[in-house]
N, C-alpha and C. Protein backbone atom coordinates (compact mmCIF):
# COMPACT_ATOMS: atom_id res chain seq x y z
N MET A 1 -200.11 44.85 169.27
CA MET A 1 -199.85 44.87 170.69
C MET A 1 -198.95 43.58 171.39
N MET A 2 -197.59 43.24 171.18
CA MET A 2 -197.66 41.49 171.46
C MET A 2 -197.99 40.58 171.10
N ILE A 3 -198.72 40.81 170.21
CA ILE A 3 -199.53 39.16 169.67
C ILE A 3 -200.83 39.24 170.21
N ILE A 4 -201.05 39.90 171.48
CA ILE A 4 -202.17 40.11 171.88
C ILE A 4 -203.38 40.68 171.64
N GLU A 5 -203.26 41.90 170.62
CA GLU A 5 -204.26 42.69 169.80
C GLU A 5 -203.56 43.14 168.78
N ARG A 6 -204.23 42.76 167.84
CA ARG A 6 -204.06 43.52 166.67
C ARG A 6 -204.57 44.92 166.17
N TYR A 7 -204.28 46.13 165.05
CA TYR A 7 -204.72 46.92 165.16
C TYR A 7 -204.42 47.16 163.58
N ILE A 8 -205.51 47.66 162.69
CA ILE A 8 -205.17 47.43 161.41
C ILE A 8 -205.04 49.17 161.02
N ALA A 9 -204.16 49.34 160.22
CA ALA A 9 -203.90 50.53 159.38
C ALA A 9 -203.68 50.50 158.31
N ARG A 10 -204.53 50.79 157.01
CA ARG A 10 -204.27 50.25 155.38
C ARG A 10 -204.84 51.27 154.64
N SER A 11 -203.70 51.89 153.89
CA SER A 11 -204.44 52.57 152.40
C SER A 11 -204.97 51.80 151.66
N LYS A 12 -206.30 52.32 151.35
CA LYS A 12 -206.82 51.81 150.22
C LYS A 12 -206.36 51.43 149.27
N GLU A 13 -205.37 52.45 148.79
CA GLU A 13 -204.76 52.21 147.35
C GLU A 13 -203.36 51.28 148.14
N LYS A 14 -202.35 50.90 147.26
CA LYS A 14 -201.25 50.29 147.01
C LYS A 14 -199.95 51.14 146.80
N LEU A 15 -198.90 50.92 147.36
CA LEU A 15 -197.68 51.94 147.12
C LEU A 15 -197.42 52.12 145.84
N LYS A 16 -197.28 52.98 145.26
CA LYS A 16 -196.50 52.96 143.65
C LYS A 16 -195.39 53.30 143.40
N ALA A 17 -195.04 52.15 142.66
CA ALA A 17 -193.31 51.56 142.18
C ALA A 17 -192.70 53.41 142.50
N GLY A 18 -191.11 53.25 143.30
CA GLY A 18 -190.33 54.49 143.19
C GLY A 18 -190.07 55.07 144.47
N LYS A 19 -189.55 55.87 144.78
CA LYS A 19 -189.29 56.29 145.99
C LYS A 19 -190.18 57.55 146.89
N HIS A 20 -190.42 57.29 147.82
CA HIS A 20 -191.64 57.78 148.58
C HIS A 20 -191.07 57.60 150.31
N LYS A 21 -191.42 58.69 151.05
CA LYS A 21 -191.35 58.55 152.41
C LYS A 21 -192.48 58.39 152.95
N VAL A 22 -192.30 56.90 154.02
CA VAL A 22 -193.39 56.31 154.53
C VAL A 22 -193.33 57.16 156.33
N GLU A 23 -194.16 57.24 157.10
CA GLU A 23 -194.19 57.97 158.08
C GLU A 23 -195.45 56.94 159.06
N VAL A 24 -195.05 56.31 159.83
CA VAL A 24 -196.01 56.02 160.91
C VAL A 24 -196.07 57.06 162.20
N VAL A 25 -196.88 57.68 162.18
CA VAL A 25 -196.63 58.99 163.40
C VAL A 25 -197.85 58.00 164.54
N THR A 26 -197.10 57.70 166.01
CA THR A 26 -197.89 57.75 167.02
C THR A 26 -197.57 58.30 168.14
N THR A 27 -198.88 59.18 168.16
CA THR A 27 -199.34 59.64 169.36
C THR A 27 -200.13 59.06 170.84
N ILE A 28 -199.07 58.89 171.95
CA ILE A 28 -199.64 58.17 173.31
C ILE A 28 -199.11 58.93 174.27
N ALA A 29 -200.01 58.97 175.26
CA ALA A 29 -199.52 59.90 176.64
C ALA A 29 -198.72 59.12 177.45
N LYS A 30 -198.71 57.73 177.58
CA LYS A 30 -197.69 57.06 178.48
C LYS A 30 -197.35 55.91 177.94
N PRO A 31 -196.80 54.81 178.66
CA PRO A 31 -196.70 53.13 177.99
C PRO A 31 -197.82 52.77 178.42
N GLY A 32 -198.59 51.99 177.81
CA GLY A 32 -199.89 51.10 178.06
C GLY A 32 -201.22 51.91 177.63
N ALA A 33 -200.98 53.09 177.38
CA ALA A 33 -202.32 53.69 177.20
C ALA A 33 -202.79 54.13 175.90
N PRO A 34 -204.11 54.20 175.40
CA PRO A 34 -204.55 54.48 174.21
C PRO A 34 -204.02 55.23 173.30
N ALA A 35 -203.67 54.98 171.97
CA ALA A 35 -202.18 55.89 170.68
C ALA A 35 -203.34 55.81 169.83
N ASP A 36 -203.39 57.05 169.08
CA ASP A 36 -203.83 57.67 168.16
C ASP A 36 -202.33 56.87 166.39
N VAL A 37 -202.84 56.29 165.90
CA VAL A 37 -201.85 55.61 165.13
C VAL A 37 -202.29 56.66 162.82
N ARG A 38 -201.03 57.29 163.12
CA ARG A 38 -201.56 57.61 161.44
C ARG A 38 -200.07 57.46 160.30
N LEU A 39 -200.47 56.37 159.40
CA LEU A 39 -199.83 56.25 158.39
C LEU A 39 -199.80 56.99 157.58
N LEU A 40 -198.64 58.09 157.14
CA LEU A 40 -198.13 59.39 155.77
C LEU A 40 -197.82 58.20 155.01
N VAL A 41 -197.83 58.64 153.84
CA VAL A 41 -197.09 58.47 152.43
C VAL A 41 -196.70 59.73 151.34
N ASP A 42 -195.34 59.94 151.77
CA ASP A 42 -195.28 61.27 151.11
C ASP A 42 -195.91 62.46 151.85
N GLY A 43 -196.15 62.75 153.25
CA GLY A 43 -197.08 63.65 153.37
C GLY A 43 -198.03 63.60 153.75
N ALA A 44 -198.63 62.71 153.17
CA ALA A 44 -200.26 62.78 153.45
C ALA A 44 -200.42 61.19 153.92
N GLU A 45 -202.31 61.75 154.62
CA GLU A 45 -202.25 61.15 155.86
C GLU A 45 -203.31 59.55 154.92
N VAL A 46 -202.58 58.27 154.79
CA VAL A 46 -203.72 57.55 153.88
C VAL A 46 -203.97 56.69 154.91
N ALA A 47 -203.87 56.40 156.07
CA ALA A 47 -205.15 55.41 157.07
C ALA A 47 -204.23 55.61 158.25
N ARG A 48 -205.46 55.43 159.48
CA ARG A 48 -205.12 55.81 160.71
C ARG A 48 -205.93 54.61 161.56
N ALA A 49 -205.46 54.61 162.54
CA ALA A 49 -205.84 53.25 163.35
C ALA A 49 -206.08 54.05 165.09
N ASP A 50 -207.03 53.43 165.71
CA ASP A 50 -207.38 54.20 167.23
C ASP A 50 -206.56 52.75 167.96
N VAL A 51 -205.98 52.85 168.71
CA VAL A 51 -205.21 51.85 169.29
C VAL A 51 -205.86 52.01 170.79
N LYS A 52 -206.32 50.92 171.44
CA LYS A 52 -206.92 51.25 172.49
C LYS A 52 -205.88 50.72 173.83
N ARG A 53 -204.73 50.05 173.97
CA ARG A 53 -203.98 50.11 174.60
C ARG A 53 -202.72 49.88 174.26
N THR A 54 -201.24 50.46 174.65
CA THR A 54 -200.71 50.18 173.76
C THR A 54 -199.20 49.23 175.18
N VAL A 55 -198.27 48.69 174.54
CA VAL A 55 -197.34 47.75 175.23
C VAL A 55 -196.55 48.46 176.49
N PRO A 56 -196.77 48.28 177.73
CA PRO A 56 -196.44 48.78 179.42
C PRO A 56 -195.38 49.07 179.64
N ALA A 57 -194.35 48.62 178.93
CA ALA A 57 -192.96 48.59 179.33
C ALA A 57 -192.17 48.16 177.78
N ALA A 58 -191.12 47.43 178.18
CA ALA A 58 -190.25 47.48 176.81
C ALA A 58 -190.73 46.42 176.24
N PHE A 59 -190.09 46.32 175.08
CA PHE A 59 -190.32 45.34 174.42
C PHE A 59 -190.45 43.76 174.81
N SER A 60 -190.62 42.55 174.19
CA SER A 60 -190.70 41.46 174.92
C SER A 60 -189.59 40.37 174.48
N ALA A 61 -188.92 39.33 175.11
CA ALA A 61 -187.67 38.36 174.66
C ALA A 61 -188.24 38.33 173.14
N SER A 62 -189.32 37.98 172.62
CA SER A 62 -189.52 37.41 171.22
C SER A 62 -189.87 38.37 170.33
N GLU A 63 -189.79 40.02 170.58
CA GLU A 63 -190.07 41.04 169.72
C GLU A 63 -188.97 42.29 169.66
N SER A 64 -188.46 42.89 168.62
CA SER A 64 -187.84 43.59 168.38
C SER A 64 -187.87 44.52 167.49
N LEU A 65 -187.68 45.83 167.22
CA LEU A 65 -187.55 46.40 165.85
C LEU A 65 -186.99 46.04 164.85
N ASN A 66 -187.43 45.94 164.27
CA ASN A 66 -186.33 45.07 162.57
C ASN A 66 -186.87 46.24 161.26
N VAL A 67 -185.68 46.48 160.90
CA VAL A 67 -185.83 46.94 159.50
C VAL A 67 -185.67 46.32 158.11
N GLY A 68 -186.39 46.32 157.73
CA GLY A 68 -186.26 45.21 156.14
C GLY A 68 -186.54 43.74 156.63
N ILE A 69 -186.60 43.48 157.37
CA ILE A 69 -187.21 42.25 157.99
C ILE A 69 -188.18 42.05 159.25
N ASP A 70 -188.52 41.33 159.35
CA ASP A 70 -189.40 40.86 160.61
C ASP A 70 -189.12 39.31 161.41
N LEU A 71 -188.17 39.73 162.44
CA LEU A 71 -188.00 38.98 162.89
C LEU A 71 -188.75 38.55 164.48
N GLY A 72 -189.72 39.22 164.69
CA GLY A 72 -190.90 38.73 165.38
C GLY A 72 -191.61 38.35 165.31
N SER A 73 -193.07 38.32 166.00
CA SER A 73 -194.47 38.08 165.59
C SER A 73 -194.81 38.63 164.19
N PRO A 74 -195.31 38.29 163.54
CA PRO A 74 -195.95 39.25 162.06
C PRO A 74 -196.72 40.40 162.40
N VAL A 75 -196.99 41.25 161.64
CA VAL A 75 -197.37 42.76 161.63
C VAL A 75 -199.06 42.49 161.46
N SER A 76 -198.97 41.39 160.20
CA SER A 76 -200.71 40.67 160.06
C SER A 76 -200.22 39.68 159.59
N LEU A 77 -201.28 38.48 160.56
CA LEU A 77 -201.76 37.13 160.39
C LEU A 77 -202.23 36.93 159.12
N ASP A 78 -202.08 37.85 158.32
CA ASP A 78 -202.64 37.50 156.59
C ASP A 78 -201.28 36.98 155.85
N TYR A 79 -200.19 37.37 156.75
CA TYR A 79 -199.28 36.67 155.81
C TYR A 79 -197.75 35.94 156.82
N PHE A 80 -198.50 35.36 157.69
CA PHE A 80 -197.71 34.84 158.91
C PHE A 80 -196.93 33.68 158.26
N ASP A 81 -197.56 32.81 157.07
CA ASP A 81 -196.69 31.90 157.06
C ASP A 81 -195.33 32.06 155.94
N ARG A 82 -195.24 33.40 155.74
CA ARG A 82 -194.31 33.95 154.86
C ARG A 82 -192.79 35.16 155.46
N ALA A 83 -192.98 34.14 156.95
CA ALA A 83 -191.92 34.97 157.80
C ALA A 83 -190.24 34.53 157.07
N PRO A 84 -189.43 35.29 157.61
CA PRO A 84 -189.59 36.67 158.01
C PRO A 84 -189.61 38.00 157.58
N PHE A 85 -190.12 37.47 156.73
CA PHE A 85 -191.01 38.86 155.77
C PHE A 85 -189.70 39.63 154.87
N PRO A 86 -188.61 39.31 154.23
CA PRO A 86 -187.42 40.21 153.91
C PRO A 86 -187.94 41.20 152.95
N PHE A 87 -187.66 42.22 153.07
CA PHE A 87 -187.78 43.40 152.01
C PHE A 87 -187.41 43.40 150.78
N ASP A 88 -187.24 43.17 149.51
CA ASP A 88 -186.45 43.19 148.90
C ASP A 88 -186.47 44.63 147.94
N GLY A 89 -186.95 45.56 148.58
CA GLY A 89 -186.35 46.81 147.75
C GLY A 89 -185.23 47.51 148.74
N LYS A 90 -184.86 48.76 148.41
CA LYS A 90 -184.23 49.55 149.01
C LYS A 90 -184.41 50.93 150.09
N ILE A 91 -183.85 50.86 151.50
CA ILE A 91 -184.35 51.69 151.98
C ILE A 91 -183.17 52.16 152.11
N ALA A 92 -183.75 54.19 152.11
CA ALA A 92 -182.30 55.13 151.45
C ALA A 92 -181.90 55.50 153.15
N VAL A 93 -182.97 55.28 153.97
CA VAL A 93 -182.88 56.39 155.35
C VAL A 93 -183.94 55.47 156.35
N MET A 94 -183.79 55.28 157.55
CA MET A 94 -184.49 55.35 158.58
C MET A 94 -184.44 56.10 159.66
N ASN A 95 -185.34 56.99 159.88
CA ASN A 95 -185.27 57.49 161.39
C ASN A 95 -186.00 57.19 162.36
N VAL A 96 -186.14 57.25 164.02
CA VAL A 96 -186.96 56.84 164.87
C VAL A 96 -187.00 58.31 165.74
N GLU A 97 -187.72 58.83 165.86
CA GLU A 97 -187.81 59.80 166.55
C GLU A 97 -188.69 59.76 167.70
N LEU A 98 -187.88 59.73 169.10
CA LEU A 98 -188.81 59.99 170.09
C LEU A 98 -189.25 61.07 171.06
N THR A 99 -190.40 61.77 170.77
CA THR A 99 -191.05 62.94 171.73
C THR A 99 -191.54 62.61 173.19
N PRO A 100 -190.70 63.84 173.55
CA PRO A 100 -192.03 63.64 175.29
C PRO A 100 -193.06 64.48 174.87
């Protein structure tokens, strides 16, 4: 949550090589409220996190939505020193769905 709070949803197993569908499903009542975050691989839940609060409005000037690279703060401090984290694989499709 904008570098202030970090939550971890991590699978117990590494992602195997090959084509996969990776989903992050977030359920939130309203901006700023708690959220339930589920990580799915090929339709199966592999991790979950209960987020105590979410961003109350839009992204800050230092954050953005990136695909294949992370130009803002790192998702994890475990690899902060490797910014901007370019992905060297292939992303076939990327969808963002917002539902009320």
